[in-house]
């Protein structure tokens, strides 16, 4: 079910908003494969270089709204990518992995070969439905009328791997579970847009 009905009521002359996604640069735990939810790690040196590289790919795009997760790896990426004044969006933090925080995903699968986070979830952490609800709220914010009555043209969200994959699924009006199909490396850029009035992926993992 669509999170926001505004898009359906816009005139045909008004282009609906596009939502650009930028995953944060590398951290020590993203490099090692450890689940990194609310642990507030900094970028590695390579992560900072990755964030700077993203700046070139985003140059020339006029953003009406730039949001970032409150976690420092995302805020630092936003700054290095050219958006030091990005608005902190509290709901854009990564999946709260509960007891799996800091655990290498390979260790979890070694104990449970059939484990899939999208299906099995995390003990004492957020459910996938809770992550999806946060993503839905951000999509609604992007698609809604701004305080001055204008519509967003391009919006940018700097956030985290699992969260952005869930958000992409929800943008496409899919179950959050389908986010499992969208691989997203550190500091990669995606554009969520439209095929006429049908939500679509315009580019993924640039």
N, C-alpha and C. Protein backbone atom coordinates (compact mmCIF):
# COMPACT_ATOMS: atom_id res chain seq x y z
N UNK A 1 0.86 -1.20 0.00
CA UNK A 1 0.00 0.00 0.00
C UNK A 1 0.88 1.24 0.00
N UNK A 2 0.53 2.24 -0.83
CA UNK A 2 1.37 3.43 -0.95
C UNK A 2 1.36 4.22 0.35
N UNK A 3 2.55 4.68 0.72
CA UNK A 3 2.70 5.41 1.97
C UNK A 3 2.04 6.78 1.90
N UNK A 4 2.11 7.42 0.74
CA UNK A 4 1.65 8.79 0.62
C UNK A 4 0.83 8.91 -0.66
N UNK A 5 -0.33 9.53 -0.60
CA UNK A 5 -1.20 9.63 -1.76
C UNK A 5 -0.98 10.91 -2.56
N UNK A 6 -0.08 11.79 -2.10
CA UNK A 6 0.11 13.06 -2.79
C UNK A 6 0.51 12.86 -4.24
N UNK A 7 1.40 11.85 -4.49
CA UNK A 7 1.89 11.65 -5.85
C UNK A 7 0.76 11.38 -6.82
N UNK A 8 -0.26 10.69 -6.36
CA UNK A 8 -1.38 10.33 -7.24
C UNK A 8 -2.25 11.53 -7.59
N UNK A 9 -2.17 12.58 -6.80
CA UNK A 9 -3.05 13.72 -7.01
C UNK A 9 -2.35 14.89 -7.68
N UNK A 10 -1.05 14.76 -7.96
CA UNK A 10 -0.35 15.84 -8.61
C UNK A 10 -0.80 15.95 -10.07
N UNK A 11 -0.73 17.13 -10.59
CA UNK A 11 -1.09 17.32 -12.00
C UNK A 11 -0.07 16.64 -12.88
N UNK A 12 -0.47 16.30 -14.09
CA UNK A 12 0.41 15.60 -15.01
C UNK A 12 1.59 16.47 -15.42
N UNK A 13 1.48 17.79 -15.22
CA UNK A 13 2.57 18.68 -15.59
C UNK A 13 3.68 18.69 -14.54
N UNK A 14 3.42 18.20 -13.36
CA UNK A 14 4.39 18.26 -12.28
C UNK A 14 5.13 16.94 -12.17
N UNK A 15 6.44 16.99 -12.34
CA UNK A 15 7.24 15.77 -12.23
C UNK A 15 7.32 15.37 -10.76
N UNK A 16 7.09 14.11 -10.44
CA UNK A 16 7.19 13.67 -9.05
C UNK A 16 8.63 13.68 -8.58
N UNK A 17 8.85 13.75 -7.29
CA UNK A 17 10.21 13.81 -6.76
C UNK A 17 11.03 12.57 -7.08
N UNK A 18 12.33 12.78 -7.18
CA UNK A 18 13.27 11.68 -7.26
C UNK A 18 14.04 11.62 -5.95
N UNK A 19 14.31 10.41 -5.49
CA UNK A 19 15.05 10.23 -4.25
C UNK A 19 16.38 9.55 -4.56
N UNK A 20 17.45 10.27 -4.32
CA UNK A 20 18.79 9.75 -4.49
C UNK A 20 19.25 9.15 -3.16
N UNK A 21 19.94 8.04 -3.25
CA UNK A 21 20.44 7.35 -2.06
C UNK A 21 21.96 7.29 -2.11
N UNK A 22 22.59 7.53 -0.98
CA UNK A 22 24.05 7.39 -0.87
C UNK A 22 24.35 6.62 0.41
N UNK A 23 24.96 5.45 0.24
CA UNK A 23 25.39 4.71 1.43
C UNK A 23 26.68 5.33 1.94
N UNK A 24 26.87 5.32 3.25
CA UNK A 24 28.09 5.86 3.84
C UNK A 24 29.32 5.11 3.36
N UNK A 25 30.48 5.74 3.51
CA UNK A 25 31.75 5.10 3.16
C UNK A 25 32.13 3.99 4.12
N UNK A 26 33.22 3.35 3.82
CA UNK A 26 33.67 2.19 4.59
C UNK A 26 33.98 2.54 6.05
N UNK A 27 33.62 1.61 6.94
CA UNK A 27 34.06 1.64 8.34
C UNK A 27 34.82 0.34 8.61
N UNK A 28 35.44 0.25 9.77
CA UNK A 28 36.16 -0.98 10.11
C UNK A 28 35.23 -2.18 10.08
N UNK A 29 34.00 -2.00 10.57
CA UNK A 29 33.07 -3.13 10.65
C UNK A 29 32.44 -3.46 9.30
N UNK A 30 32.22 -2.47 8.46
CA UNK A 30 31.69 -2.81 7.13
C UNK A 30 32.74 -3.57 6.33
N UNK A 31 34.00 -3.25 6.57
CA UNK A 31 35.08 -3.96 5.89
C UNK A 31 35.19 -5.40 6.38
N UNK A 32 34.98 -5.62 7.66
CA UNK A 32 35.14 -6.96 8.24
C UNK A 32 33.88 -7.81 8.14
N UNK A 33 32.75 -7.19 7.79
CA UNK A 33 31.50 -7.93 7.68
C UNK A 33 30.72 -8.04 8.97
N UNK A 34 31.04 -7.18 9.95
CA UNK A 34 30.31 -7.19 11.22
C UNK A 34 29.04 -6.36 11.09
N UNK A 35 27.97 -6.85 11.72
CA UNK A 35 26.72 -6.09 11.73
C UNK A 35 26.94 -4.78 12.49
N UNK A 36 26.64 -3.68 11.80
CA UNK A 36 26.86 -2.36 12.39
C UNK A 36 25.55 -1.60 12.36
N UNK A 37 24.84 -1.61 13.47
CA UNK A 37 23.59 -0.90 13.54
C UNK A 37 23.75 0.47 14.17
N UNK A 38 23.57 0.54 15.47
CA UNK A 38 23.62 1.83 16.17
C UNK A 38 25.00 2.17 16.72
N UNK A 39 25.97 1.26 16.61
CA UNK A 39 27.34 1.58 17.02
C UNK A 39 27.86 2.69 16.14
N UNK A 40 28.34 3.77 16.76
CA UNK A 40 28.64 4.99 16.01
C UNK A 40 30.11 5.03 15.59
N UNK A 41 30.45 4.25 14.60
CA UNK A 41 31.82 4.15 14.13
C UNK A 41 32.17 5.25 13.13
N UNK A 42 33.43 5.68 13.11
CA UNK A 42 33.86 6.65 12.10
C UNK A 42 34.19 5.94 10.79
N UNK A 43 34.38 6.72 9.75
CA UNK A 43 34.86 6.18 8.49
C UNK A 43 36.33 5.81 8.60
N UNK A 44 36.73 4.82 7.83
CA UNK A 44 38.16 4.55 7.67
C UNK A 44 38.74 5.57 6.70
N UNK A 45 40.05 5.52 6.52
CA UNK A 45 40.68 6.41 5.54
C UNK A 45 40.12 6.14 4.15
N UNK A 46 39.96 4.86 3.82
CA UNK A 46 39.35 4.52 2.53
C UNK A 46 37.92 5.01 2.45
N UNK A 47 37.19 4.91 3.57
CA UNK A 47 35.82 5.39 3.59
C UNK A 47 35.72 6.87 3.30
N UNK A 48 36.67 7.64 3.80
CA UNK A 48 36.68 9.08 3.52
C UNK A 48 36.97 9.33 2.04
N UNK A 49 37.88 8.55 1.48
CA UNK A 49 38.18 8.69 0.05
C UNK A 49 36.95 8.34 -0.79
N UNK A 50 36.24 7.30 -0.37
CA UNK A 50 35.03 6.90 -1.09
C UNK A 50 33.98 8.02 -1.06
N UNK A 51 33.82 8.63 0.10
CA UNK A 51 32.84 9.71 0.23
C UNK A 51 33.21 10.89 -0.66
N UNK A 52 34.49 11.21 -0.72
CA UNK A 52 34.94 12.29 -1.59
C UNK A 52 34.67 11.96 -3.05
N UNK A 53 34.83 10.69 -3.41
CA UNK A 53 34.57 10.28 -4.80
C UNK A 53 33.10 10.45 -5.16
N UNK A 54 32.22 10.24 -4.18
CA UNK A 54 30.79 10.39 -4.43
C UNK A 54 30.44 11.83 -4.79
N UNK A 55 31.22 12.77 -4.31
CA UNK A 55 30.95 14.18 -4.58
C UNK A 55 30.90 14.46 -6.08
N UNK A 56 31.86 13.88 -6.81
CA UNK A 56 31.91 14.13 -8.25
C UNK A 56 30.67 13.59 -8.95
N UNK A 57 30.18 12.44 -8.50
CA UNK A 57 29.01 11.83 -9.13
C UNK A 57 27.73 12.61 -8.87
N UNK A 58 27.72 13.38 -7.77
CA UNK A 58 26.52 14.13 -7.41
C UNK A 58 26.56 15.59 -7.86
N UNK A 59 27.71 16.02 -8.34
CA UNK A 59 27.82 17.40 -8.80
C UNK A 59 26.88 17.64 -9.97
N UNK A 60 26.29 18.80 -9.98
CA UNK A 60 25.39 19.15 -11.06
C UNK A 60 23.94 18.81 -10.80
N UNK A 61 23.67 18.06 -9.71
CA UNK A 61 22.29 17.75 -9.34
C UNK A 61 21.82 18.80 -8.34
N UNK A 62 20.69 19.40 -8.63
CA UNK A 62 20.13 20.42 -7.75
C UNK A 62 19.19 19.75 -6.75
N UNK A 63 19.63 19.66 -5.51
CA UNK A 63 18.83 18.99 -4.48
C UNK A 63 18.02 20.00 -3.68
N UNK A 64 16.73 19.75 -3.57
CA UNK A 64 15.85 20.59 -2.77
C UNK A 64 15.83 20.15 -1.30
N UNK A 65 16.21 18.90 -1.06
CA UNK A 65 16.18 18.35 0.29
C UNK A 65 17.32 17.35 0.42
N UNK A 66 18.15 17.53 1.45
CA UNK A 66 19.25 16.59 1.71
C UNK A 66 19.13 16.13 3.16
N UNK A 67 18.98 14.84 3.33
CA UNK A 67 18.82 14.24 4.65
C UNK A 67 19.97 13.30 4.94
N UNK A 68 20.30 13.15 6.21
CA UNK A 68 21.32 12.20 6.61
C UNK A 68 20.91 11.48 7.89
N UNK A 69 21.34 10.25 8.00
CA UNK A 69 21.23 9.52 9.26
C UNK A 69 21.97 10.30 10.34
N UNK A 70 21.57 10.15 11.59
CA UNK A 70 22.28 10.84 12.68
C UNK A 70 23.64 10.23 13.01
N UNK A 71 23.93 9.04 12.52
CA UNK A 71 25.19 8.38 12.86
C UNK A 71 26.36 9.01 12.12
N UNK A 72 27.52 9.09 12.79
CA UNK A 72 28.62 9.89 12.26
C UNK A 72 29.15 9.39 10.92
N UNK A 73 29.07 8.09 10.66
CA UNK A 73 29.57 7.59 9.38
C UNK A 73 28.76 8.14 8.22
N UNK A 74 27.48 8.37 8.43
CA UNK A 74 26.63 8.95 7.40
C UNK A 74 26.81 10.47 7.34
N UNK A 75 26.84 11.11 8.49
CA UNK A 75 27.01 12.57 8.50
C UNK A 75 28.34 12.99 7.88
N UNK A 76 29.40 12.23 8.18
CA UNK A 76 30.71 12.53 7.62
C UNK A 76 30.71 12.30 6.11
N UNK A 77 30.06 11.25 5.68
CA UNK A 77 29.95 10.98 4.24
C UNK A 77 29.21 12.12 3.55
N UNK A 78 28.12 12.57 4.15
CA UNK A 78 27.37 13.68 3.57
C UNK A 78 28.25 14.92 3.43
N UNK A 79 29.01 15.23 4.48
CA UNK A 79 29.87 16.39 4.44
C UNK A 79 30.94 16.30 3.36
N UNK A 80 31.59 15.16 3.29
CA UNK A 80 32.65 14.97 2.29
C UNK A 80 32.10 14.93 0.87
N UNK A 81 30.86 14.50 0.73
CA UNK A 81 30.22 14.46 -0.59
C UNK A 81 29.69 15.82 -1.02
N UNK A 82 29.86 16.82 -0.17
CA UNK A 82 29.48 18.17 -0.55
C UNK A 82 28.24 18.72 0.12
N UNK A 83 27.78 18.02 1.19
CA UNK A 83 26.54 18.44 1.84
C UNK A 83 26.73 18.55 3.35
N UNK A 84 27.57 19.49 3.79
CA UNK A 84 27.83 19.63 5.23
C UNK A 84 26.62 20.09 6.02
N UNK A 85 25.63 20.67 5.35
CA UNK A 85 24.43 21.17 6.03
C UNK A 85 23.24 20.23 5.89
N UNK A 86 23.51 18.97 5.57
CA UNK A 86 22.42 18.00 5.45
C UNK A 86 21.60 17.95 6.73
N UNK A 87 20.30 17.82 6.58
CA UNK A 87 19.39 17.77 7.72
C UNK A 87 19.43 16.37 8.34
N UNK A 88 19.65 16.32 9.63
CA UNK A 88 19.67 15.03 10.32
C UNK A 88 18.25 14.49 10.43
N UNK A 89 18.06 13.29 9.90
CA UNK A 89 16.77 12.61 9.95
C UNK A 89 16.89 11.44 10.93
N UNK A 90 16.34 11.59 12.14
CA UNK A 90 16.51 10.55 13.17
C UNK A 90 16.07 9.16 12.75
N UNK A 91 15.08 9.09 11.84
CA UNK A 91 14.54 7.79 11.45
C UNK A 91 15.42 7.05 10.44
N UNK A 92 16.51 7.69 9.98
CA UNK A 92 17.33 7.10 8.92
C UNK A 92 18.50 6.28 9.44
N UNK A 93 18.51 5.96 10.74
CA UNK A 93 19.61 5.14 11.26
C UNK A 93 19.53 3.72 10.71
N UNK A 94 20.61 2.97 10.88
CA UNK A 94 20.64 1.60 10.38
C UNK A 94 19.75 0.69 11.23
N UNK A 95 19.45 -0.47 10.71
CA UNK A 95 18.73 -1.52 11.42
C UNK A 95 19.38 -1.72 12.79
N UNK A 96 18.59 -1.75 13.83
CA UNK A 96 19.09 -2.07 15.17
C UNK A 96 19.20 -3.60 15.25
N UNK A 97 20.45 -4.09 15.25
CA UNK A 97 20.69 -5.52 15.16
C UNK A 97 20.62 -6.26 16.49
N UNK A 98 20.33 -5.55 17.56
CA UNK A 98 20.15 -6.22 18.84
C UNK A 98 21.36 -7.04 19.25
N UNK A 99 21.15 -8.31 19.56
CA UNK A 99 22.24 -9.18 20.04
C UNK A 99 23.28 -9.46 18.96
N UNK A 100 22.96 -9.19 17.72
CA UNK A 100 23.93 -9.44 16.65
C UNK A 100 24.82 -8.24 16.36
N UNK A 101 24.63 -7.15 17.09
CA UNK A 101 25.47 -5.96 16.89
C UNK A 101 26.94 -6.33 17.09
N UNK A 102 27.76 -6.00 16.09
CA UNK A 102 29.18 -6.27 16.16
C UNK A 102 29.59 -7.68 15.82
N UNK A 103 28.61 -8.55 15.57
CA UNK A 103 28.90 -9.94 15.24
C UNK A 103 29.12 -10.07 13.73
N UNK A 104 30.11 -10.85 13.34
CA UNK A 104 30.35 -11.08 11.92
C UNK A 104 29.23 -11.96 11.37
N UNK A 105 28.66 -11.55 10.26
CA UNK A 105 27.54 -12.30 9.69
C UNK A 105 27.94 -13.73 9.35
N UNK A 106 29.22 -13.94 9.01
CA UNK A 106 29.67 -15.30 8.71
C UNK A 106 29.59 -16.20 9.94
N UNK A 107 29.81 -15.63 11.13
CA UNK A 107 29.71 -16.41 12.36
C UNK A 107 28.27 -16.85 12.60
N UNK A 108 27.33 -15.96 12.32
CA UNK A 108 25.92 -16.31 12.50
C UNK A 108 25.55 -17.45 11.56
N UNK A 109 26.00 -17.36 10.32
CA UNK A 109 25.66 -18.41 9.36
C UNK A 109 26.39 -19.72 9.65
N UNK A 110 27.57 -19.63 10.29
CA UNK A 110 28.27 -20.86 10.66
C UNK A 110 27.48 -21.65 11.69
N UNK A 111 26.81 -20.95 12.59
CA UNK A 111 25.99 -21.61 13.60
C UNK A 111 24.63 -22.01 13.05
N UNK A 112 24.14 -21.24 12.08
CA UNK A 112 22.83 -21.49 11.50
C UNK A 112 22.93 -21.29 9.99
N UNK A 113 23.34 -22.33 9.25
CA UNK A 113 23.60 -22.18 7.81
C UNK A 113 22.42 -21.63 7.02
N UNK A 114 21.22 -21.84 7.48
CA UNK A 114 20.05 -21.35 6.76
C UNK A 114 19.64 -19.94 7.12
N UNK A 115 20.42 -19.29 7.97
CA UNK A 115 20.03 -17.97 8.47
C UNK A 115 19.98 -16.93 7.36
N UNK A 116 18.92 -16.15 7.35
CA UNK A 116 18.76 -15.02 6.45
C UNK A 116 18.12 -13.89 7.25
N UNK A 117 18.83 -12.80 7.40
CA UNK A 117 18.33 -11.71 8.25
C UNK A 117 16.97 -11.22 7.78
N UNK A 118 16.74 -11.24 6.47
CA UNK A 118 15.48 -10.75 5.93
C UNK A 118 14.30 -11.62 6.34
N UNK A 119 14.59 -12.87 6.63
CA UNK A 119 13.54 -13.82 7.01
C UNK A 119 13.52 -14.09 8.51
N UNK A 120 14.71 -14.22 9.10
CA UNK A 120 14.83 -14.65 10.49
C UNK A 120 14.95 -13.51 11.49
N UNK A 121 15.30 -12.32 11.00
CA UNK A 121 15.40 -11.17 11.90
C UNK A 121 16.61 -11.26 12.81
N UNK A 122 16.58 -10.45 13.86
CA UNK A 122 17.69 -10.38 14.81
C UNK A 122 17.12 -10.46 16.23
N UNK A 123 17.78 -11.20 17.13
CA UNK A 123 17.27 -11.29 18.50
C UNK A 123 17.44 -9.98 19.25
N UNK A 124 16.36 -9.56 19.91
CA UNK A 124 16.36 -8.35 20.74
C UNK A 124 16.71 -7.08 19.97
N UNK A 125 16.43 -7.08 18.68
CA UNK A 125 16.63 -5.89 17.86
C UNK A 125 15.34 -5.49 17.18
N UNK A 126 15.45 -4.67 16.15
CA UNK A 126 14.27 -4.25 15.40
C UNK A 126 13.76 -5.38 14.51
N UNK A 127 12.47 -5.41 14.32
CA UNK A 127 11.89 -6.29 13.31
C UNK A 127 12.03 -5.63 11.95
N UNK A 128 11.92 -6.42 10.91
CA UNK A 128 11.95 -5.86 9.56
C UNK A 128 10.79 -4.89 9.36
N UNK A 129 9.65 -5.19 9.95
CA UNK A 129 8.50 -4.31 9.83
C UNK A 129 8.78 -2.94 10.46
N UNK A 130 9.52 -2.93 11.55
CA UNK A 130 9.86 -1.66 12.18
C UNK A 130 10.82 -0.85 11.32
N UNK A 131 11.78 -1.51 10.70
CA UNK A 131 12.69 -0.82 9.78
C UNK A 131 11.90 -0.26 8.61
N UNK A 132 10.98 -1.06 8.07
CA UNK A 132 10.16 -0.62 6.94
C UNK A 132 9.30 0.58 7.31
N UNK A 133 8.80 0.61 8.52
CA UNK A 133 7.97 1.73 8.95
C UNK A 133 8.78 3.03 8.96
N UNK A 134 10.03 2.95 9.39
CA UNK A 134 10.88 4.14 9.36
C UNK A 134 11.14 4.59 7.92
N UNK A 135 11.39 3.62 7.05
CA UNK A 135 11.61 3.94 5.64
C UNK A 135 10.36 4.58 5.02
N UNK A 136 9.20 4.04 5.34
CA UNK A 136 7.94 4.60 4.82
C UNK A 136 7.78 6.06 5.22
N UNK A 137 8.16 6.38 6.45
CA UNK A 137 8.04 7.75 6.91
C UNK A 137 8.91 8.71 6.11
N UNK A 138 10.11 8.26 5.75
CA UNK A 138 11.00 9.12 4.97
C UNK A 138 10.47 9.29 3.55
N UNK A 139 9.97 8.21 2.96
CA UNK A 139 9.37 8.32 1.63
C UNK A 139 8.21 9.31 1.65
N UNK A 140 7.39 9.22 2.67
CA UNK A 140 6.26 10.15 2.79
C UNK A 140 6.75 11.59 2.89
N UNK A 141 7.84 11.79 3.61
CA UNK A 141 8.39 13.15 3.75
C UNK A 141 8.85 13.68 2.40
N UNK A 142 9.51 12.85 1.62
CA UNK A 142 10.00 13.28 0.31
C UNK A 142 8.86 13.58 -0.64
N UNK A 143 7.79 12.80 -0.59
CA UNK A 143 6.67 12.96 -1.52
C UNK A 143 5.67 14.02 -1.10
N UNK A 144 5.80 14.52 0.12
CA UNK A 144 4.81 15.48 0.61
C UNK A 144 5.17 16.90 0.21
N UNK A 145 4.20 17.78 0.31
CA UNK A 145 4.42 19.20 0.05
C UNK A 145 5.31 19.79 1.14
N UNK A 146 6.26 20.62 0.75
CA UNK A 146 7.15 21.26 1.70
C UNK A 146 6.43 22.42 2.41
N UNK A 147 7.02 22.93 3.50
CA UNK A 147 6.37 24.02 4.25
C UNK A 147 6.00 25.24 3.41
N UNK A 148 6.78 25.48 2.33
CA UNK A 148 6.48 26.64 1.48
C UNK A 148 5.46 26.31 0.39
N UNK A 149 4.92 25.09 0.43
CA UNK A 149 3.92 24.69 -0.55
C UNK A 149 4.49 24.08 -1.82
N UNK A 150 5.82 24.09 -1.96
CA UNK A 150 6.46 23.54 -3.15
C UNK A 150 6.66 22.03 -3.00
N UNK A 151 6.87 21.39 -4.14
CA UNK A 151 7.19 19.97 -4.14
C UNK A 151 8.70 19.79 -4.28
N UNK A 152 9.22 18.73 -3.70
CA UNK A 152 10.63 18.41 -3.86
C UNK A 152 10.88 17.95 -5.30
N UNK A 153 11.98 18.41 -5.89
CA UNK A 153 12.39 17.91 -7.19
C UNK A 153 13.31 16.71 -7.00
N UNK A 154 14.49 16.99 -6.47
CA UNK A 154 15.44 15.94 -6.13
C UNK A 154 15.72 15.98 -4.63
N UNK A 155 15.69 14.81 -4.01
CA UNK A 155 16.06 14.68 -2.61
C UNK A 155 17.20 13.68 -2.51
N UNK A 156 18.06 13.87 -1.52
CA UNK A 156 19.18 12.97 -1.27
C UNK A 156 19.10 12.47 0.16
N UNK A 157 19.29 11.17 0.32
CA UNK A 157 19.35 10.57 1.65
C UNK A 157 20.67 9.83 1.80
N UNK A 158 21.44 10.20 2.80
CA UNK A 158 22.71 9.53 3.11
C UNK A 158 22.47 8.63 4.32
N UNK A 159 22.62 7.34 4.14
CA UNK A 159 22.27 6.43 5.22
C UNK A 159 23.06 5.13 5.10
N UNK A 160 22.42 4.00 5.33
CA UNK A 160 23.10 2.73 5.58
C UNK A 160 22.60 1.61 4.68
N UNK A 161 23.43 0.58 4.54
CA UNK A 161 23.18 -0.48 3.59
C UNK A 161 21.83 -1.16 3.71
N UNK A 162 21.57 -1.81 4.84
CA UNK A 162 20.31 -2.51 4.98
C UNK A 162 19.13 -1.55 4.95
N UNK A 163 19.27 -0.41 5.61
CA UNK A 163 18.14 0.53 5.65
C UNK A 163 17.79 1.02 4.24
N UNK A 164 18.80 1.36 3.45
CA UNK A 164 18.51 1.86 2.11
C UNK A 164 17.94 0.78 1.21
N UNK A 165 18.32 -0.46 1.43
CA UNK A 165 17.76 -1.56 0.65
C UNK A 165 16.27 -1.76 0.98
N UNK A 166 15.95 -1.64 2.25
CA UNK A 166 14.54 -1.70 2.66
C UNK A 166 13.77 -0.53 2.04
N UNK A 167 14.36 0.65 2.11
CA UNK A 167 13.69 1.83 1.56
C UNK A 167 13.44 1.69 0.07
N UNK A 168 14.40 1.14 -0.65
CA UNK A 168 14.22 0.95 -2.09
C UNK A 168 13.04 0.02 -2.37
N UNK A 169 12.94 -1.06 -1.61
CA UNK A 169 11.81 -1.97 -1.78
C UNK A 169 10.49 -1.27 -1.53
N UNK A 170 10.44 -0.46 -0.49
CA UNK A 170 9.20 0.23 -0.15
C UNK A 170 8.85 1.30 -1.20
N UNK A 171 9.88 1.96 -1.75
CA UNK A 171 9.64 2.92 -2.83
C UNK A 171 8.94 2.24 -4.00
N UNK A 172 9.36 1.01 -4.28
CA UNK A 172 8.78 0.25 -5.38
C UNK A 172 7.44 -0.39 -5.01
N UNK A 173 6.96 -0.10 -3.80
CA UNK A 173 5.70 -0.65 -3.28
C UNK A 173 5.78 -2.17 -3.10
N UNK A 174 6.98 -2.66 -2.79
CA UNK A 174 7.20 -4.06 -2.52
C UNK A 174 7.29 -4.29 -1.02
N UNK A 175 7.13 -5.52 -0.60
CA UNK A 175 7.38 -5.89 0.79
C UNK A 175 8.85 -5.62 1.11
N UNK A 176 9.13 -5.19 2.33
CA UNK A 176 10.51 -4.89 2.73
C UNK A 176 11.43 -6.08 2.53
N UNK A 177 10.89 -7.29 2.61
CA UNK A 177 11.66 -8.52 2.42
C UNK A 177 12.39 -8.52 1.08
N UNK A 178 11.82 -7.85 0.08
CA UNK A 178 12.42 -7.84 -1.25
C UNK A 178 13.68 -6.99 -1.32
N UNK A 179 13.97 -6.25 -0.27
CA UNK A 179 15.22 -5.51 -0.21
C UNK A 179 16.44 -6.42 -0.29
N UNK A 180 16.23 -7.70 -0.05
CA UNK A 180 17.34 -8.65 -0.11
C UNK A 180 17.95 -8.73 -1.50
N UNK A 181 17.23 -8.29 -2.52
CA UNK A 181 17.72 -8.38 -3.90
C UNK A 181 18.64 -7.23 -4.29
N UNK A 182 18.72 -6.18 -3.47
CA UNK A 182 19.43 -4.98 -3.87
C UNK A 182 20.76 -4.86 -3.13
N UNK A 183 21.83 -5.36 -3.72
CA UNK A 183 23.15 -5.22 -3.10
C UNK A 183 23.60 -3.77 -3.20
N UNK A 184 24.26 -3.30 -2.16
CA UNK A 184 24.66 -1.89 -2.14
C UNK A 184 25.99 -1.74 -1.40
N UNK A 185 27.03 -1.42 -2.14
CA UNK A 185 28.35 -1.25 -1.55
C UNK A 185 28.51 0.10 -0.88
N UNK A 186 29.60 0.25 -0.15
CA UNK A 186 29.86 1.50 0.56
C UNK A 186 30.07 2.64 -0.43
N UNK A 187 29.47 3.78 -0.09
CA UNK A 187 29.56 5.03 -0.85
C UNK A 187 28.98 4.91 -2.27
N UNK A 188 28.12 3.93 -2.50
CA UNK A 188 27.46 3.79 -3.80
C UNK A 188 26.20 4.66 -3.84
N UNK A 189 25.86 5.09 -5.05
CA UNK A 189 24.76 6.03 -5.27
C UNK A 189 23.66 5.35 -6.08
N UNK A 190 22.43 5.61 -5.71
CA UNK A 190 21.27 5.08 -6.43
C UNK A 190 20.27 6.22 -6.65
N UNK A 191 19.44 6.05 -7.65
CA UNK A 191 18.37 7.01 -7.89
C UNK A 191 17.04 6.28 -8.00
N UNK A 192 16.11 6.66 -7.15
CA UNK A 192 14.75 6.13 -7.19
C UNK A 192 13.86 7.17 -7.86
N UNK A 193 13.23 6.75 -8.93
CA UNK A 193 12.42 7.70 -9.69
C UNK A 193 11.14 7.06 -10.18
N UNK A 194 10.83 7.31 -11.46
CA UNK A 194 9.52 6.93 -11.97
C UNK A 194 9.59 6.52 -13.43
N UNK A 195 8.73 5.58 -13.80
CA UNK A 195 8.41 5.30 -15.19
C UNK A 195 7.01 5.85 -15.39
N UNK A 196 6.96 7.07 -15.89
CA UNK A 196 5.73 7.85 -15.90
C UNK A 196 5.25 8.02 -14.44
N UNK A 197 4.22 7.31 -14.01
CA UNK A 197 3.77 7.44 -12.61
C UNK A 197 4.00 6.17 -11.81
N UNK A 198 4.77 5.26 -12.38
CA UNK A 198 5.08 4.02 -11.67
C UNK A 198 6.44 4.15 -11.00
N UNK A 199 6.55 3.93 -9.69
CA UNK A 199 7.85 4.05 -9.03
C UNK A 199 8.84 3.05 -9.61
N UNK A 200 10.08 3.50 -9.84
CA UNK A 200 11.07 2.69 -10.52
C UNK A 200 12.46 3.02 -10.02
N UNK A 201 13.40 2.14 -10.30
CA UNK A 201 14.82 2.40 -10.04
C UNK A 201 15.43 2.95 -11.33
N UNK A 202 15.99 4.15 -11.27
CA UNK A 202 16.62 4.73 -12.44
C UNK A 202 18.08 4.31 -12.55
N UNK A 203 18.76 4.23 -11.42
CA UNK A 203 20.12 3.71 -11.41
C UNK A 203 20.39 3.10 -10.04
N UNK A 204 21.27 2.12 -10.03
CA UNK A 204 21.55 1.44 -8.76
C UNK A 204 23.04 1.16 -8.61
N UNK A 205 23.59 1.59 -7.51
CA UNK A 205 24.97 1.26 -7.17
C UNK A 205 26.01 1.90 -8.07
N UNK A 206 25.75 3.18 -8.46
CA UNK A 206 26.70 3.90 -9.29
C UNK A 206 28.02 4.12 -8.56
